Amino acid sequence: MVNLFKRLRKLRTILHVRIGQGAAILPSITSATKEHSAITRLHLTYAKKIYGGHQGARHFWRNCLPRLKYHNPGVQMTVKQTQDQDGPAALTVYFAGRATDTAMQHSSQIKDTHAPPPEANEKTIVLDLKDHDYKSIWNRLKAATGAQDVAATPEETAELQKWEKMRAQSEKDRARVAAIRQAKKDQEMMLKKARGEVEMLRQL
């Protein structure tokens, strides 16, 4: 039974990597348009702790980047976690050949010294991630790159709904077990108190 639960958890992990925010296809050499150039690389820099505006970048790394890498295995994605809470939280996007006007509209003036320098045939923009939540970061990256969301299949949607029902049932079960344990503790306390009162009466 334990092995079954382990397998179920692995299946759930795979499902959550395949669908959700970050599950998208970045423009490639064959799918690039005038508005969106091909993406060659991504580099994320953020501080180790979440204060100082780095929380969103950290959550983006945890929630979105694995899905983006899963659907774009050919795009190199690097991450630098620093000790500098006052340093940048930045996402550098590398474009093949040129960065379009659409991309440049989302570029900031901050510099990320941890990002690898672009090659001769690459252009970059830098998204300032400080004080942005990971959903906002994802939406900005989509707008800058033209990434196309990967829709969940009916089977994946059904599987996700099943996991949600199981999670909700688990919450109910935990609450029920906690209530039973608390009732047992309350009963034991009452018995202990009653025994103490009986003992006091015997000593009178």
Foldseek 3Di string as FASTA:
>chain_A
DVVVVVVVVVVVVVLQLCDDQQQWAFAACVRADLAAFGWAEKEWEAEPDPPLQRVQLVVLVVRHVSSNCVNVVRHYYYYHYHNDSPDFGKMKIKGFQDQHPQLQVQADPDDDPPDDDDDPRIDIGMHGRGNPHNVVVSVSVCRNHVIGHDDDDPVSVVVVVVVVVVVVVVVVVVVVVVVVVVVVVVVVVVVVVVVVVVVVVVVD
